[in-house]
């Protein structure tokens, strides 16, 4: 699966990576999920102003001319920024996350990993932007309400 495989500019000419200062960034991941798509779209479009190309095809990534971000557990080549990922963007459910803060360049960060960047900036951004923790409290409230209903129903029946 690969998204935005067309490397053309608005004029239809191939993007050689020299046509503007802020190049189109490609992000490689072994698996593309809706969470990963969401946060790379947000960072690319809303913060940087250009969409990121998201791919799970190693050859597309290797042959890309321009900035490369490798969001996997292993280095592909020396022309990339590697961000080792934590599991959050690859999970299907909402569950409690282990948040352990540390300081990086005078700022608090979490989801510490190894690689060229000391934490998973995609997972951290997703966690904060989606208000992930709020879903956990709603989930708990819902579960308590359901258990209360079941308890009251069982009390009536017996």
N, C-alpha and C. Protein backbone atom coordinates (compact mmCIF):
# COMPACT_ATOMS: atom_id res chain seq x y z
N UNK A 1 0.85 -1.17 0.00
CA UNK A 1 0.00 0.00 0.00
C UNK A 1 0.89 1.23 0.00
N UNK A 2 0.61 2.17 -0.85
CA UNK A 2 1.35 3.42 -0.90
C UNK A 2 0.40 4.54 -1.26
N UNK A 3 0.58 5.69 -0.66
CA UNK A 3 -0.28 6.83 -0.89
C UNK A 3 0.49 7.91 -1.63
N UNK A 4 -0.20 8.65 -2.49
CA UNK A 4 0.38 9.78 -3.21
C UNK A 4 1.62 9.36 -3.99
N UNK A 5 1.52 8.31 -4.80
CA UNK A 5 2.67 7.83 -5.55
C UNK A 5 3.07 8.77 -6.68
N UNK A 6 2.20 9.68 -7.08
CA UNK A 6 2.52 10.62 -8.14
C UNK A 6 3.44 11.69 -7.58
N UNK A 7 4.66 11.75 -8.09
CA UNK A 7 5.64 12.71 -7.61
C UNK A 7 5.65 13.98 -8.45
N UNK A 8 4.58 14.25 -9.16
CA UNK A 8 4.54 15.42 -10.03
C UNK A 8 4.20 16.68 -9.27
N UNK A 9 4.66 17.79 -9.78
CA UNK A 9 4.30 19.08 -9.22
C UNK A 9 3.00 19.53 -9.87
N UNK A 10 2.51 20.68 -9.47
CA UNK A 10 1.27 21.22 -10.06
C UNK A 10 1.38 21.41 -11.56
N UNK A 11 2.59 21.68 -12.06
CA UNK A 11 2.76 21.92 -13.49
C UNK A 11 2.87 20.61 -14.27
N UNK A 12 2.89 19.48 -13.59
CA UNK A 12 2.98 18.19 -14.26
C UNK A 12 4.40 17.71 -14.46
N UNK A 13 5.39 18.52 -14.07
CA UNK A 13 6.78 18.10 -14.20
C UNK A 13 7.18 17.29 -12.97
N UNK A 14 8.09 16.37 -13.16
CA UNK A 14 8.54 15.52 -12.06
C UNK A 14 9.22 16.38 -10.99
N UNK A 15 8.90 16.10 -9.73
CA UNK A 15 9.52 16.81 -8.62
C UNK A 15 10.93 16.26 -8.43
N UNK A 16 11.91 17.04 -8.75
CA UNK A 16 13.31 16.61 -8.64
C UNK A 16 13.87 16.92 -7.27
N UNK A 17 13.09 17.55 -6.44
CA UNK A 17 13.57 17.90 -5.11
C UNK A 17 14.29 19.23 -5.08
N UNK A 18 14.35 19.94 -6.21
CA UNK A 18 15.06 21.22 -6.26
C UNK A 18 14.12 22.37 -6.57
N UNK A 19 12.81 22.10 -6.66
CA UNK A 19 11.89 23.14 -7.12
C UNK A 19 11.43 24.09 -6.03
N UNK A 20 11.66 23.78 -4.77
CA UNK A 20 11.30 24.73 -3.73
C UNK A 20 12.09 24.43 -2.45
N UNK A 21 12.05 25.36 -1.52
CA UNK A 21 12.79 25.22 -0.28
C UNK A 21 12.24 24.11 0.60
N UNK A 22 10.95 24.06 0.78
CA UNK A 22 10.32 23.07 1.66
C UNK A 22 9.85 21.89 0.82
N UNK A 23 10.64 20.86 0.79
CA UNK A 23 10.37 19.71 -0.06
C UNK A 23 9.25 18.84 0.51
N UNK A 24 8.68 18.10 -0.36
CA UNK A 24 7.71 17.08 -0.05
C UNK A 24 8.42 16.01 0.77
N UNK A 25 7.92 15.62 1.92
CA UNK A 25 8.56 14.65 2.80
C UNK A 25 7.90 13.29 2.60
N UNK A 26 8.70 12.24 2.50
CA UNK A 26 8.16 10.89 2.43
C UNK A 26 8.39 10.22 3.79
N UNK A 27 7.37 9.50 4.25
CA UNK A 27 7.44 8.77 5.52
C UNK A 27 7.22 7.29 5.21
N UNK A 28 8.19 6.48 5.61
CA UNK A 28 8.07 5.03 5.42
C UNK A 28 7.67 4.37 6.73
N UNK A 29 6.72 3.45 6.64
CA UNK A 29 6.34 2.62 7.78
C UNK A 29 6.05 1.23 7.25
N UNK A 30 6.38 0.21 8.02
CA UNK A 30 6.11 -1.16 7.61
C UNK A 30 4.62 -1.42 7.49
N UNK A 31 3.83 -0.69 8.27
CA UNK A 31 2.37 -0.83 8.26
C UNK A 31 1.75 0.56 8.31
N UNK A 32 0.79 0.80 7.45
CA UNK A 32 0.10 2.10 7.45
C UNK A 32 -1.27 1.89 8.10
N UNK A 33 -1.52 2.66 9.14
CA UNK A 33 -2.79 2.58 9.86
C UNK A 33 -3.52 3.91 9.75
N UNK A 34 -4.79 3.91 10.13
CA UNK A 34 -5.55 5.16 10.07
C UNK A 34 -4.99 6.19 11.06
N UNK A 35 -4.48 5.74 12.19
CA UNK A 35 -3.88 6.67 13.15
C UNK A 35 -2.63 7.33 12.57
N UNK A 36 -1.79 6.54 11.93
CA UNK A 36 -0.57 7.07 11.32
C UNK A 36 -0.92 8.02 10.18
N UNK A 37 -1.90 7.66 9.37
CA UNK A 37 -2.35 8.54 8.28
C UNK A 37 -2.85 9.87 8.84
N UNK A 38 -3.66 9.79 9.90
CA UNK A 38 -4.24 10.99 10.50
C UNK A 38 -3.15 11.96 10.96
N UNK A 39 -2.18 11.45 11.72
CA UNK A 39 -1.19 12.36 12.30
C UNK A 39 -0.19 12.86 11.27
N UNK A 40 0.18 12.05 10.29
CA UNK A 40 1.09 12.54 9.25
C UNK A 40 0.38 13.56 8.36
N UNK A 41 -0.92 13.35 8.09
CA UNK A 41 -1.70 14.34 7.34
C UNK A 41 -1.76 15.66 8.10
N UNK A 42 -2.02 15.57 9.40
CA UNK A 42 -2.13 16.79 10.20
C UNK A 42 -0.81 17.55 10.23
N UNK A 43 0.27 16.85 10.56
CA UNK A 43 1.57 17.52 10.66
C UNK A 43 1.97 18.10 9.30
N UNK A 44 1.79 17.31 8.25
CA UNK A 44 2.16 17.78 6.92
C UNK A 44 1.35 18.97 6.46
N UNK A 45 0.03 18.83 6.49
CA UNK A 45 -0.84 19.88 5.94
C UNK A 45 -0.97 21.09 6.86
N UNK A 46 -1.19 20.85 8.15
CA UNK A 46 -1.50 21.96 9.06
C UNK A 46 -0.27 22.66 9.64
N UNK A 47 0.81 21.93 9.81
CA UNK A 47 1.99 22.54 10.44
C UNK A 47 3.03 22.93 9.40
N UNK A 48 3.36 22.02 8.51
CA UNK A 48 4.40 22.28 7.51
C UNK A 48 3.82 22.96 6.27
N UNK A 49 2.58 22.63 5.93
CA UNK A 49 1.95 23.24 4.76
C UNK A 49 2.03 22.41 3.50
N UNK A 50 2.61 21.23 3.58
CA UNK A 50 2.70 20.32 2.43
C UNK A 50 2.37 18.92 2.91
N UNK A 51 1.60 18.19 2.13
CA UNK A 51 1.26 16.82 2.50
C UNK A 51 2.50 15.96 2.54
N UNK A 52 2.52 15.02 3.47
CA UNK A 52 3.57 14.00 3.49
C UNK A 52 3.16 12.87 2.58
N UNK A 53 4.13 12.24 1.95
CA UNK A 53 3.85 11.01 1.22
C UNK A 53 4.09 9.88 2.22
N UNK A 54 3.11 9.01 2.36
CA UNK A 54 3.18 7.90 3.30
C UNK A 54 3.25 6.62 2.50
N UNK A 55 4.27 5.79 2.75
CA UNK A 55 4.42 4.56 1.98
C UNK A 55 4.87 3.40 2.86
N UNK A 56 4.48 2.20 2.45
CA UNK A 56 4.99 0.99 3.08
C UNK A 56 5.84 0.21 2.08
N UNK A 57 6.18 0.83 0.97
CA UNK A 57 6.99 0.21 -0.08
C UNK A 57 8.44 0.69 0.07
N UNK A 58 9.34 -0.23 0.46
CA UNK A 58 10.73 0.12 0.70
C UNK A 58 11.40 0.69 -0.55
N UNK A 59 11.08 0.15 -1.73
CA UNK A 59 11.70 0.63 -2.97
C UNK A 59 11.29 2.06 -3.30
N UNK A 60 10.03 2.39 -3.09
CA UNK A 60 9.56 3.77 -3.30
C UNK A 60 10.34 4.70 -2.37
N UNK A 61 10.48 4.26 -1.13
CA UNK A 61 11.20 5.06 -0.13
C UNK A 61 12.67 5.24 -0.52
N UNK A 62 13.34 4.15 -0.88
CA UNK A 62 14.77 4.20 -1.24
C UNK A 62 15.02 5.12 -2.44
N UNK A 63 14.13 5.07 -3.44
CA UNK A 63 14.32 5.81 -4.67
C UNK A 63 13.81 7.25 -4.62
N UNK A 64 13.19 7.63 -3.54
CA UNK A 64 12.62 8.97 -3.42
C UNK A 64 13.73 10.02 -3.38
N UNK A 65 13.52 11.11 -4.10
CA UNK A 65 14.45 12.23 -4.09
C UNK A 65 13.82 13.31 -3.22
N UNK A 66 14.38 13.54 -2.08
CA UNK A 66 13.85 14.51 -1.14
C UNK A 66 13.98 14.00 0.29
N UNK A 67 13.47 14.76 1.25
CA UNK A 67 13.58 14.39 2.67
C UNK A 67 12.83 13.08 2.96
N UNK A 68 13.47 12.22 3.77
CA UNK A 68 12.91 10.91 4.10
C UNK A 68 12.85 10.73 5.61
N UNK A 69 11.72 10.23 6.08
CA UNK A 69 11.55 9.86 7.48
C UNK A 69 11.22 8.38 7.52
N UNK A 70 12.05 7.62 8.21
CA UNK A 70 11.83 6.19 8.36
C UNK A 70 11.18 5.96 9.71
N UNK A 71 9.92 5.56 9.70
CA UNK A 71 9.15 5.32 10.93
C UNK A 71 9.01 3.82 11.14
N UNK A 72 10.16 3.18 11.34
CA UNK A 72 10.15 1.73 11.56
C UNK A 72 11.26 1.40 12.54
N UNK A 73 11.48 0.14 12.75
CA UNK A 73 12.47 -0.28 13.73
C UNK A 73 13.87 -0.48 13.18
N UNK A 74 14.06 -0.32 11.86
CA UNK A 74 15.39 -0.57 11.32
C UNK A 74 15.74 0.43 10.22
N UNK A 75 17.02 0.78 10.19
CA UNK A 75 17.51 1.76 9.22
C UNK A 75 17.50 1.15 7.82
N UNK A 76 17.08 1.93 6.83
CA UNK A 76 17.06 1.49 5.44
C UNK A 76 18.28 2.01 4.70
N UNK A 77 18.60 3.29 4.90
CA UNK A 77 19.82 3.87 4.32
C UNK A 77 20.28 5.04 5.18
N UNK A 78 21.36 5.69 4.77
CA UNK A 78 21.91 6.78 5.57
C UNK A 78 21.34 8.14 5.21
N UNK A 79 20.38 8.19 4.29
CA UNK A 79 19.79 9.46 3.85
C UNK A 79 18.42 9.66 4.46
N UNK A 80 18.23 9.26 5.69
CA UNK A 80 16.90 9.31 6.31
C UNK A 80 17.00 9.76 7.76
N UNK A 81 15.93 10.30 8.24
CA UNK A 81 15.76 10.55 9.67
C UNK A 81 14.98 9.35 10.18
N UNK A 82 15.54 8.63 11.13
CA UNK A 82 14.83 7.47 11.64
C UNK A 82 14.17 7.80 12.97
N UNK A 83 12.87 7.53 13.02
CA UNK A 83 12.10 7.68 14.25
C UNK A 83 11.57 6.30 14.59
N UNK A 84 12.14 5.70 15.62
CA UNK A 84 11.64 4.38 16.03
C UNK A 84 10.27 4.57 16.65
N UNK A 85 9.36 3.69 16.29
CA UNK A 85 7.98 3.88 16.72
C UNK A 85 7.66 3.12 17.99
N UNK A 86 6.68 3.64 18.71
CA UNK A 86 6.10 2.91 19.83
C UNK A 86 4.76 2.34 19.32
N UNK A 87 4.12 1.45 20.03
CA UNK A 87 2.95 0.73 19.50
C UNK A 87 1.67 1.56 19.30
N UNK A 88 1.54 2.72 19.90
CA UNK A 88 0.26 3.45 19.91
C UNK A 88 -0.40 3.58 18.54
N UNK A 89 0.32 3.98 17.52
CA UNK A 89 -0.30 4.22 16.21
C UNK A 89 -0.64 2.93 15.47
N UNK A 90 -0.24 1.79 16.02
CA UNK A 90 -0.50 0.50 15.38
C UNK A 90 -1.53 -0.33 16.15
N UNK A 91 -2.07 0.23 17.22
CA UNK A 91 -3.08 -0.46 18.03
C UNK A 91 -4.47 -0.20 17.46
N UNK A 92 -5.37 -1.17 17.67
CA UNK A 92 -6.74 -1.04 17.18
C UNK A 92 -7.72 -0.57 18.26
N UNK A 93 -7.29 -0.58 19.49
CA UNK A 93 -8.19 -0.23 20.58
C UNK A 93 -7.63 0.96 21.36
N UNK A 94 -8.44 1.43 22.28
CA UNK A 94 -8.02 2.52 23.16
C UNK A 94 -7.73 1.89 24.51
N UNK A 95 -6.50 2.03 24.94
CA UNK A 95 -6.11 1.45 26.23
C UNK A 95 -5.13 2.37 26.93
N UNK A 96 -4.98 2.16 28.21
CA UNK A 96 -4.07 2.96 29.02
C UNK A 96 -2.65 2.88 28.44
N UNK A 97 -2.01 4.04 28.32
CA UNK A 97 -0.65 4.10 27.79
C UNK A 97 0.33 4.39 28.93
N UNK A 98 1.52 3.87 28.83
CA UNK A 98 2.56 4.12 29.81
C UNK A 98 3.25 5.44 29.45
N UNK A 99 2.88 6.48 30.16
CA UNK A 99 3.43 7.81 29.89
C UNK A 99 4.52 8.10 30.92
N UNK A 100 5.74 8.17 30.44
CA UNK A 100 6.88 8.47 31.29
C UNK A 100 7.59 9.67 30.68
N UNK A 101 7.48 10.81 31.35
CA UNK A 101 8.04 12.06 30.82
C UNK A 101 9.54 12.16 31.05
N UNK A 102 10.19 12.84 30.11
CA UNK A 102 11.60 13.16 30.22
C UNK A 102 11.79 14.51 29.54
N UNK A 103 12.96 15.08 29.71
CA UNK A 103 13.22 16.40 29.12
C UNK A 103 14.08 16.27 27.87
N UNK A 104 13.68 17.01 26.83
CA UNK A 104 14.44 17.05 25.57
C UNK A 104 14.48 18.50 25.10
N UNK A 105 15.68 19.06 25.00
CA UNK A 105 15.87 20.46 24.58
C UNK A 105 15.04 21.44 25.39
N UNK A 106 14.92 21.19 26.69
CA UNK A 106 14.20 22.10 27.57
C UNK A 106 12.69 21.90 27.59
N UNK A 107 12.19 20.89 26.89
CA UNK A 107 10.76 20.62 26.84
C UNK A 107 10.48 19.22 27.37
N UNK A 108 9.29 19.02 27.91
CA UNK A 108 8.86 17.70 28.35
C UNK A 108 8.45 16.89 27.13
N UNK A 109 8.79 15.61 27.14
CA UNK A 109 8.43 14.70 26.06
C UNK A 109 8.08 13.35 26.66
N UNK A 110 7.45 12.50 25.88
CA UNK A 110 7.16 11.13 26.31
C UNK A 110 7.13 10.22 25.10
N UNK A 111 6.91 8.94 25.30
CA UNK A 111 7.07 7.89 24.28
C UNK A 111 8.52 7.86 23.80
N UNK A 112 9.44 7.75 24.77
CA UNK A 112 10.88 7.73 24.49
C UNK A 112 11.24 6.51 23.64
N UNK A 113 12.05 6.74 22.63
CA UNK A 113 12.54 5.66 21.77
C UNK A 113 14.00 5.93 21.45
N UNK A 114 14.57 5.07 20.65
CA UNK A 114 15.92 5.28 20.16
C UNK A 114 15.80 5.69 18.69
N UNK A 115 16.90 6.02 18.09
CA UNK A 115 16.89 6.46 16.70
C UNK A 115 17.49 7.84 16.60
N UNK A 116 17.26 8.51 15.49
CA UNK A 116 17.79 9.86 15.30
C UNK A 116 17.02 10.91 16.09
N UNK A 117 15.84 10.57 16.53
CA UNK A 117 15.02 11.45 17.35
C UNK A 117 14.72 10.70 18.64
N UNK A 118 14.82 11.33 19.80
CA UNK A 118 14.76 10.59 21.06
C UNK A 118 13.36 10.13 21.52
N UNK A 119 12.33 10.54 20.78
CA UNK A 119 10.99 10.07 21.15
C UNK A 119 10.14 9.96 19.89
N UNK A 120 9.04 9.24 20.02
CA UNK A 120 8.14 9.03 18.89
C UNK A 120 7.24 10.27 18.76
N UNK A 121 7.68 11.19 17.93
CA UNK A 121 6.96 12.46 17.79
C UNK A 121 5.59 12.27 17.15
N UNK A 122 5.43 11.26 16.29
CA UNK A 122 4.11 11.00 15.69
C UNK A 122 3.13 10.49 16.74
N UNK A 123 3.55 9.53 17.56
CA UNK A 123 2.67 8.99 18.61
C UNK A 123 2.37 10.05 19.66
N UNK A 124 3.38 10.83 20.04
CA UNK A 124 3.18 11.90 21.02
C UNK A 124 2.17 12.92 20.49
N UNK A 125 2.34 13.32 19.25
CA UNK A 125 1.43 14.29 18.64
C UNK A 125 0.01 13.73 18.56
N UNK A 126 -0.11 12.47 18.15
CA UNK A 126 -1.42 11.84 18.07
C UNK A 126 -2.09 11.79 19.44
N UNK A 127 -1.35 11.39 20.45
CA UNK A 127 -1.88 11.28 21.81
C UNK A 127 -2.43 12.63 22.28
N UNK A 128 -1.66 13.69 22.06
CA UNK A 128 -2.08 15.02 22.51
C UNK A 128 -3.21 15.59 21.64
N UNK A 129 -3.09 15.48 20.34
CA UNK A 129 -4.07 16.06 19.43
C UNK A 129 -5.43 15.37 19.51
N UNK A 130 -5.43 14.06 19.65
CA UNK A 130 -6.69 13.32 19.68
C UNK A 130 -7.35 13.33 21.06
N UNK A 131 -6.68 13.91 22.04
CA UNK A 131 -7.17 13.88 23.42
C UNK A 131 -7.41 12.43 23.85
N UNK A 132 -6.45 11.58 23.52
CA UNK A 132 -6.53 10.14 23.74
C UNK A 132 -6.96 9.79 25.16
N UNK A 133 -6.39 10.47 26.14
CA UNK A 133 -6.68 10.17 27.54
C UNK A 133 -8.15 10.40 27.87
N UNK A 134 -8.78 11.37 27.21
CA UNK A 134 -10.20 11.65 27.45
C UNK A 134 -11.08 10.47 27.06
N UNK A 135 -10.70 9.75 26.01
CA UNK A 135 -11.47 8.58 25.60
C UNK A 135 -11.42 7.50 26.66
N UNK A 136 -10.30 7.41 27.38
CA UNK A 136 -10.19 6.41 28.44
C UNK A 136 -11.17 6.71 29.56
N UNK A 137 -11.30 7.96 29.94
CA UNK A 137 -12.23 8.30 31.03
C UNK A 137 -13.68 8.08 30.58
N UNK A 138 -14.02 8.40 29.32
CA UNK A 138 -15.37 8.14 28.81
C UNK A 138 -15.65 6.65 28.76
N UNK A 139 -14.64 5.88 28.41
CA UNK A 139 -14.77 4.43 28.35
C UNK A 139 -15.06 3.89 29.75
N UNK A 140 -14.36 4.40 30.77
CA UNK A 140 -14.57 3.96 32.14
C UNK A 140 -15.97 4.34 32.62
N UNK A 141 -16.42 5.56 32.31
CA UNK A 141 -17.75 6.01 32.71
C UNK A 141 -18.81 5.12 32.06
N UNK A 142 -18.64 4.81 30.79
CA UNK A 142 -19.56 3.95 30.07
C UNK A 142 -19.61 2.56 30.70
N UNK A 143 -18.44 2.01 31.03
CA UNK A 143 -18.38 0.68 31.63
C UNK A 143 -19.08 0.67 33.00
N UNK A 144 -18.87 1.68 33.80
CA UNK A 144 -19.52 1.77 35.11
C UNK A 144 -21.04 1.85 34.93
N UNK A 145 -21.49 2.65 33.96
CA UNK A 145 -22.93 2.78 33.70
C UNK A 145 -23.52 1.43 33.25
N UNK A 146 -22.82 0.74 32.39
CA UNK A 146 -23.30 -0.56 31.91
C UNK A 146 -23.33 -1.58 33.05
N UNK A 147 -22.30 -1.61 33.86
CA UNK A 147 -22.28 -2.54 34.99
C UNK A 147 -23.39 -2.23 35.99
N UNK A 148 -23.66 -0.95 36.19
CA UNK A 148 -24.75 -0.55 37.08
C UNK A 148 -26.09 -1.03 36.54
N UNK A 149 -26.32 -0.86 35.24
CA UNK A 149 -27.56 -1.34 34.62
C UNK A 149 -27.70 -2.84 34.76
N UNK A 150 -26.62 -3.55 34.51
CA UNK A 150 -26.66 -5.01 34.62
C UNK A 150 -26.95 -5.41 36.06
N UNK A 151 -26.28 -4.75 37.00
CA UNK A 151 -26.49 -5.05 38.41
C UNK A 151 -27.96 -4.80 38.81
N UNK A 152 -28.50 -3.66 38.39
CA UNK A 152 -29.90 -3.35 38.72
C UNK A 152 -30.85 -4.34 38.07
N UNK A 153 -30.57 -4.74 36.85
CA UNK A 153 -31.39 -5.72 36.16
C UNK A 153 -31.36 -7.07 36.87
N UNK A 154 -30.18 -7.49 37.27
CA UNK A 154 -30.05 -8.77 37.98
C UNK A 154 -30.72 -8.70 39.34
N UNK A 155 -30.67 -7.56 39.98
CA UNK A 155 -31.31 -7.37 41.28
C UNK A 155 -32.84 -7.50 41.14
N UNK A 156 -33.39 -6.94 40.05
CA UNK A 156 -34.84 -7.02 39.77
C UNK A 156 -35.26 -8.45 39.52
N UNK A 157 -34.45 -9.17 38.74
CA UNK A 157 -34.79 -10.53 38.34
C UNK A 157 -34.76 -11.47 39.53
N UNK A 158 -33.85 -11.28 40.47
CA UNK A 158 -33.73 -12.21 41.58
C UNK A 158 -34.62 -11.91 42.73
